[in-house]
Amino acid sequence: TLKEYPAVRYRMGHDDNSVLAHMVLERLNAFKADNPTMGEGTDKARSQLLIIDRGFDPVSPLLHELTFQSMAYDLLDIQQDIYQYETTGISDNREIGRA
């Protein structure tokens, strides 16, 4: 867990949003009951959890494929379906890996 206890906000107008928001809040309250210090800290601002439905933004699915593969190709340097990366192990030797 991230030790967060966010305020839950949802878009009104769809009953499903309200039902989901209340279910999530119940689960968060159960986690908070088990760990009372969750979400507390001197420098901690309370996070916000937004629950919205696809009707809020109907254009995004048309702009880009919503798959992990398309996201990986956008964010990583993948050449001919191969991703190469460098890593250092415990002994600080550099290794080149392929995935």
C-alpha atoms as a PDB file:
ATOM      1  CA  THR A   1       0.000   0.000   0.000  1.00  0.00           C
ATOM      2  CA  LEU A   2       1.080   3.567  -0.630  1.00  0.00           C
ATOM      3  CA  LYS A   3      -0.112   4.660   2.827  1.00  0.00           C
ATOM      4  CA  GLU A   4      -2.524   7.056   1.133  1.00  0.00           C
ATOM      5  CA  TYR A   5      -6.014   7.871   2.380  1.00  0.00           C
ATOM      6  CA  PRO A   6      -7.472   9.944  -0.455  1.00  0.00           C
ATOM      7  CA  ALA A   7     -10.637  11.953  -0.575  1.00  0.00           C
ATOM      8  CA  VAL A   8     -12.963  10.208  -3.035  1.00  0.00           C
ATOM      9  CA  ARG A   9     -14.647  12.417  -5.622  1.00  0.00           C
ATOM     10  CA  TYR A  10     -16.911  11.371  -8.465  1.00  0.00           C
ATOM     11  CA  ARG A  11     -18.822  12.858 -11.352  1.00  0.00           C
ATOM     12  CA  MET A  12     -22.507  13.236 -10.577  1.00  0.00           C
ATOM     13  CA  GLY A  13     -25.113  12.217 -13.090  1.00  0.00           C
ATOM     14  CA  HIS A  14     -24.385   8.509 -13.305  1.00  0.00           C
ATOM     15  CA  ASP A  15     -25.508   6.250 -10.479  1.00  0.00           C
ATOM     16  CA  ASP A  16     -22.694   3.797 -11.236  1.00  0.00           C
ATOM     17  CA  ASN A  17     -20.121   6.450 -10.322  1.00  0.00           C
ATOM     18  CA  SER A  18     -21.781   6.993  -6.960  1.00  0.00           C
ATOM     19  CA  VAL A  19     -22.013   3.265  -6.218  1.00  0.00           C
ATOM     20  CA  LEU A  20     -18.360   2.715  -7.116  1.00  0.00           C
ATOM     21  CA  ALA A  21     -17.225   5.751  -5.103  1.00  0.00           C
ATOM     22  CA  HIS A  22     -19.046   4.502  -2.010  1.00  0.00           C
ATOM     23  CA  MET A  23     -17.624   0.981  -2.437  1.00  0.00           C
ATOM     24  CA  VAL A  24     -14.088   2.362  -2.732  1.00  0.00           C
ATOM     25  CA  LEU A  25     -14.619   4.615   0.292  1.00  0.00           C
ATOM     26  CA  GLU A  26     -15.836   1.648   2.356  1.00  0.00           C
ATOM     27  CA  ARG A  27     -12.692  -0.308   1.448  1.00  0.00           C
ATOM     28  CA  LEU A  28     -10.472   2.673   2.259  1.00  0.00           C
ATOM     29  CA  ASN A  29     -12.205   3.084   5.615  1.00  0.00           C
ATOM     30  CA  ALA A  30     -11.605  -0.618   6.346  1.00  0.00           C
ATOM     31  CA  PHE A  31      -7.901  -0.215   5.538  1.00  0.00           C
ATOM     32  CA  LYS A  32      -7.778   2.926   7.684  1.00  0.00           C
ATOM     33  CA  ALA A  33      -9.355   1.007  10.600  1.00  0.00           C
ATOM     34  CA  ASP A  34      -6.538  -1.565  10.366  1.00  0.00           C
ATOM     35  CA  ASN A  35      -3.850   1.116  10.047  1.00  0.00           C
ATOM     36  CA  PRO A  36      -4.932   4.376  11.748  1.00  0.00           C
ATOM     37  CA  THR A  37      -1.800   6.245  10.641  1.00  0.00           C
ATOM     38  CA  MET A  38      -2.581   5.699   6.954  1.00  0.00           C
ATOM     39  CA  GLY A  39      -2.485   8.997   5.070  1.00  0.00           C
ATOM     40  CA  GLU A  40      -0.955  10.970   7.918  1.00  0.00           C
ATOM     41  CA  GLY A  41       2.306  12.852   8.010  1.00  0.00           C
ATOM     42  CA  THR A  42       3.663  16.312   8.705  1.00  0.00           C
ATOM     43  CA  ASP A  43       4.397  17.124   5.055  1.00  0.00           C
ATOM     44  CA  LYS A  44       1.540  15.121   3.588  1.00  0.00           C
ATOM     45  CA  ALA A  45      -1.217  16.779   1.591  1.00  0.00           C
ATOM     46  CA  ARG A  46      -4.351  14.679   1.221  1.00  0.00           C
ATOM     47  CA  SER A  47      -4.538  13.040  -2.172  1.00  0.00           C
ATOM     48  CA  GLN A  48      -7.663  13.012  -4.320  1.00  0.00           C
ATOM     49  CA  LEU A  49      -9.155   9.961  -6.055  1.00  0.00           C
ATOM     50  CA  LEU A  50     -11.284  10.964  -9.036  1.00  0.00           C
ATOM     51  CA  ILE A  51     -13.856   8.530 -10.393  1.00  0.00           C
ATOM     52  CA  ILE A  52     -15.179   9.483 -13.805  1.00  0.00           C
ATOM     53  CA  ASP A  53     -16.918   7.574 -16.550  1.00  0.00           C
ATOM     54  CA  ARG A  54     -16.064   7.364 -20.246  1.00  0.00           C
ATOM     55  CA  GLY A  55     -18.854   9.831 -20.967  1.00  0.00           C
ATOM     56  CA  PHE A  56     -16.682  12.505 -19.371  1.00  0.00           C
ATOM     57  CA  ASP A  57     -14.038  12.213 -22.108  1.00  0.00           C
ATOM     58  CA  PRO A  58     -15.352  10.349 -25.160  1.00  0.00           C
ATOM     59  CA  VAL A  59     -12.528  11.505 -27.471  1.00  0.00           C
ATOM     60  CA  SER A  60      -9.489   9.856 -25.803  1.00  0.00           C
ATOM     61  CA  PRO A  61     -10.195   6.302 -27.012  1.00  0.00           C
ATOM     62  CA  LEU A  62     -10.316   7.618 -30.569  1.00  0.00           C
ATOM     63  CA  LEU A  63      -6.938   9.357 -30.304  1.00  0.00           C
ATOM     64  CA  HIS A  64      -4.813   6.388 -29.290  1.00  0.00           C
ATOM     65  CA  GLU A  65      -4.965   2.651 -28.850  1.00  0.00           C
ATOM     66  CA  LEU A  66      -5.469   1.746 -25.220  1.00  0.00           C
ATOM     67  CA  THR A  67      -3.171  -1.268 -25.006  1.00  0.00           C
ATOM     68  CA  PHE A  68       0.037  -1.915 -23.109  1.00  0.00           C
ATOM     69  CA  GLN A  69       1.806  -2.757 -26.361  1.00  0.00           C
ATOM     70  CA  SER A  70       1.049   0.598 -27.979  1.00  0.00           C
ATOM     71  CA  MET A  71       2.021   2.421 -24.786  1.00  0.00           C
ATOM     72  CA  ALA A  72       5.311   0.494 -24.600  1.00  0.00           C
ATOM     73  CA  TYR A  73       6.131   1.361 -28.223  1.00  0.00           C
ATOM     74  CA  ASP A  74       5.421   5.032 -27.503  1.00  0.00           C
ATOM     75  CA  LEU A  75       7.477   5.218 -24.314  1.00  0.00           C
ATOM     76  CA  LEU A  76      10.389   2.826 -24.950  1.00  0.00           C
ATOM     77  CA  ASP A  77      12.959   2.497 -27.718  1.00  0.00           C
ATOM     78  CA  ILE A  78      11.740  -0.794 -29.201  1.00  0.00           C
ATOM     79  CA  GLN A  79      13.352  -1.848 -32.473  1.00  0.00           C
ATOM     80  CA  GLN A  80      12.019  -4.858 -34.412  1.00  0.00           C
ATOM     81  CA  ASP A  81      10.012  -6.015 -31.380  1.00  0.00           C
ATOM     82  CA  ILE A  82      13.164  -6.051 -29.193  1.00  0.00           C
ATOM     83  CA  TYR A  83      13.779  -3.763 -26.222  1.00  0.00           C
ATOM     84  CA  GLN A  84      17.416  -3.453 -25.152  1.00  0.00           C
ATOM     85  CA  TYR A  85      18.373  -2.050 -21.782  1.00  0.00           C
ATOM     86  CA  GLU A  86      21.441  -1.625 -19.595  1.00  0.00           C
ATOM     87  CA  THR A  87      21.543  -2.503 -15.961  1.00  0.00           C
ATOM     88  CA  THR A  88      24.105  -2.700 -13.202  1.00  0.00           C
ATOM     89  CA  GLY A  89      24.074  -5.676 -10.890  1.00  0.00           C
ATOM     90  CA  ILE A  90      25.334  -6.039  -7.360  1.00  0.00           C
ATOM     91  CA  SER A  91      28.966  -5.962  -8.500  1.00  0.00           C
ATOM     92  CA  ASP A  92      28.386  -2.813 -10.620  1.00  0.00           C
ATOM     93  CA  ASN A  93      29.155  -4.691 -13.849  1.00  0.00           C
ATOM     94  CA  ARG A  94      27.144  -3.368 -16.758  1.00  0.00           C
ATOM     95  CA  GLU A  95      24.935  -5.847 -18.563  1.00  0.00           C
ATOM     96  CA  ILE A  96      22.887  -5.411 -21.713  1.00  0.00           C
ATOM     97  CA  GLY A  97      19.612  -7.270 -21.698  1.00  0.00           C
ATOM     98  CA  ARG A  98      16.976  -7.934 -24.314  1.00  0.00           C
ATOM     99  CA  ALA A  99      13.283  -8.288 -23.698  1.00  0.00           C
END
